[in-house]
Structure formats: structure tokens, C-alpha cells
C-alpha atoms as a PDB file:
ATOM      1  CA  MET A   1      18.812-194.788  56.414  1.00  0.00           C
ATOM      2  CA  HIS A   2      15.689-196.304  57.914  1.00  0.00           C
ATOM      3  CA  ARG A   3      14.867-199.890  56.930  1.00  0.00           C
ATOM      4  CA  SER A   4      11.586-198.828  55.290  1.00  0.00           C
ATOM      5  CA  GLU A   5      13.544-196.516  52.989  1.00  0.00           C
ATOM      6  CA  THR A   6      15.691-199.304  51.554  1.00  0.00           C
ATOM      7  CA  ARG A   7      12.962-201.115  49.662  1.00  0.00           C
ATOM      8  CA  GLU A   8      13.993-202.808  46.459  1.00  0.00           C
ATOM      9  CA  LEU A   9      12.912-201.099  43.254  1.00  0.00           C
ATOM     10  CA  ALA A  10      12.447-202.426  39.742  1.00  0.00           C
ATOM     11  CA  ASN A  11      11.235-201.047  36.441  1.00  0.00           C
ATOM     12  CA  CYS A  12       8.181-202.022  34.450  1.00  0.00           C
ATOM     13  CA  ALA A  13       9.225-204.064  31.409  1.00  0.00           C
ATOM     14  CA  ILE A  14       6.830-202.074  29.204  1.00  0.00           C
ATOM     15  CA  CYS A  15       6.785-198.429  30.268  1.00  0.00           C
ATOM     16  CA  GLY A  16       9.859-198.274  32.496  1.00  0.00           C
ATOM     17  CA  ALA A  17       7.969-196.926  35.509  1.00  0.00           C
ATOM     18  CA  GLU A  18       9.777-197.407  38.801  1.00  0.00           C
ATOM     19  CA  ILE A  19       7.917-199.870  41.017  1.00  0.00           C
ATOM     20  CA  ALA A  20       8.449-201.535  44.381  1.00  0.00           C
ATOM     21  CA  PRO A  21       7.466-205.154  43.700  1.00  0.00           C
ATOM     22  CA  ALA A  22       7.126-205.976  47.394  1.00  0.00           C
ATOM     23  CA  THR A  23       4.502-203.298  48.005  1.00  0.00           C
ATOM     24  CA  ASP A  24       3.069-202.208  44.642  1.00  0.00           C
ATOM     25  CA  ARG A  25       0.533-204.225  42.668  1.00  0.00           C
ATOM     26  CA  ALA A  26       3.213-205.263  40.206  1.00  0.00           C
ATOM     27  CA  PHE A  27       2.918-208.446  38.168  1.00  0.00           C
ATOM     28  CA  ALA A  28       6.054-210.596  38.308  1.00  0.00           C
ATOM     29  CA  PHE A  29       7.013-212.836  35.400  1.00  0.00           C
ATOM     30  CA  GLY A  30      10.126-214.506  34.087  1.00  0.00           C
ATOM     31  CA  VAL A  31      13.217-214.429  36.259  1.00  0.00           C
ATOM     32  CA  ASP A  32      13.291-210.776  37.345  1.00  0.00           C
ATOM     33  CA  SER A  33      10.703-209.022  35.198  1.00  0.00           C
ATOM     34  CA  TYR A  34       7.721-206.971  36.293  1.00  0.00           C
ATOM     35  CA  LEU A  35       4.788-205.092  34.859  1.00  0.00           C
ATOM     36  CA  CYS A  36       3.398-202.085  36.665  1.00  0.00           C
ATOM     37  CA  TYR A  37      -0.286-202.237  37.555  1.00  0.00           C
ATOM     38  CA  ALA A  38      -1.364-200.039  34.627  1.00  0.00           C
ATOM     39  CA  CYS A  39       0.533-202.061  32.017  1.00  0.00           C
ATOM     40  CA  ALA A  40      -0.654-205.357  33.506  1.00  0.00           C
ATOM     41  CA  VAL A  41      -4.290-204.244  33.344  1.00  0.00           C
ATOM     42  CA  LYS A  42      -3.862-202.973  29.766  1.00  0.00           C
ATOM     43  CA  ARG A  43      -2.698-206.479  28.851  1.00  0.00           C
ATOM     44  CA  GLY A  44      -5.724-208.208  30.358  1.00  0.00           C
ATOM     45  CA  GLY A  45      -4.635-208.654  33.961  1.00  0.00           C
ATOM     46  CA  SER A  46      -7.261-208.488  36.683  1.00  0.00           C
ATOM     47  CA  TRP A  47      -6.298-207.562  40.262  1.00  0.00           C
ATOM     48  CA  ASN A  48      -8.464-208.853  43.117  1.00  0.00           C
ATOM     49  CA  GLU A  49      -8.349-206.114  45.758  1.00  0.00           C
ATOM     50  CA  LEU A  50     -10.139-208.209  48.374  1.00  0.00           C
ATOM     51  CA  HIS A  51      -7.719-211.142  48.167  1.00  0.00           C
ATOM     52  CA  ASP A  52      -4.667-209.083  47.189  1.00  0.00           C
ATOM     53  CA  HIS A  53      -3.653-211.137  44.145  1.00  0.00           C
ATOM     54  CA  TRP A  54      -4.017-211.334  40.366  1.00  0.00           C
ATOM     55  CA  ASP A  55      -7.168-213.251  39.349  1.00  0.00           C
ATOM     56  CA  ALA A  56      -6.194-213.146  35.685  1.00  0.00           C
ATOM     57  CA  ASP A  57      -2.622-212.889  34.487  1.00  0.00           C
ATOM     58  CA  PRO A  58      -1.799-210.274  31.877  1.00  0.00           C
ATOM     59  CA  ASP A  59      -0.483-211.381  28.504  1.00  0.00           C
ATOM     60  CA  THR A  60       3.301-211.173  28.765  1.00  0.00           C
ATOM     61  CA  SER A  61       4.160-213.227  25.673  1.00  0.00           C
ATOM     62  CA  GLU A  62       5.155-210.176  23.622  1.00  0.00           C
ATOM     63  CA  VAL A  63       7.370-208.833  26.401  1.00  0.00           C
ATOM     64  CA  GLU A  64       9.020-212.195  27.050  1.00  0.00           C
ATOM     65  CA  ARG A  65       9.942-212.567  23.361  1.00  0.00           C
ATOM     66  CA  ALA A  66      11.474-209.082  23.320  1.00  0.00           C
ATOM     67  CA  GLU A  67      13.631-209.842  26.379  1.00  0.00           C
ATOM     68  CA  ARG A  68      15.251-212.913  24.795  1.00  0.00           C
END
């Protein structure tokens, strides 16, 4: 298997979509939790395409409570 094919995958904490945190615009929170881009934006997150980072973090409080 080629190195580029062994990327680490995770699932969105809300919708369960499979994401590659290292390459997708996923929002990381908690220890090992992620939101996919769509769920992060729905929760108020704002992605800055020019600078390749989140300008505004999405609200993850509801998700964090559910994971406890």
C-alpha cells in the first residue's frame, strides 16, 4: 500500500461522516473528536480559506456533553 493511501480516518461526532483530519477541513476538539466541515459550519464555525484555519470555532458544547 502506498503511503498516501494509509491516511488516518475519523468520524464526525455529529453526523458520522468519514473524514481525514490531516487533509479535510475538519474541526478538532476534545481529545480525539472531530466535526466535519458541514457540521462545523452549521454550528457557527467559519473557515478562512486564504489562511487555511478556523476563524470562528463552532459550538461544540452540546457534543462534548453527550460524549461524557
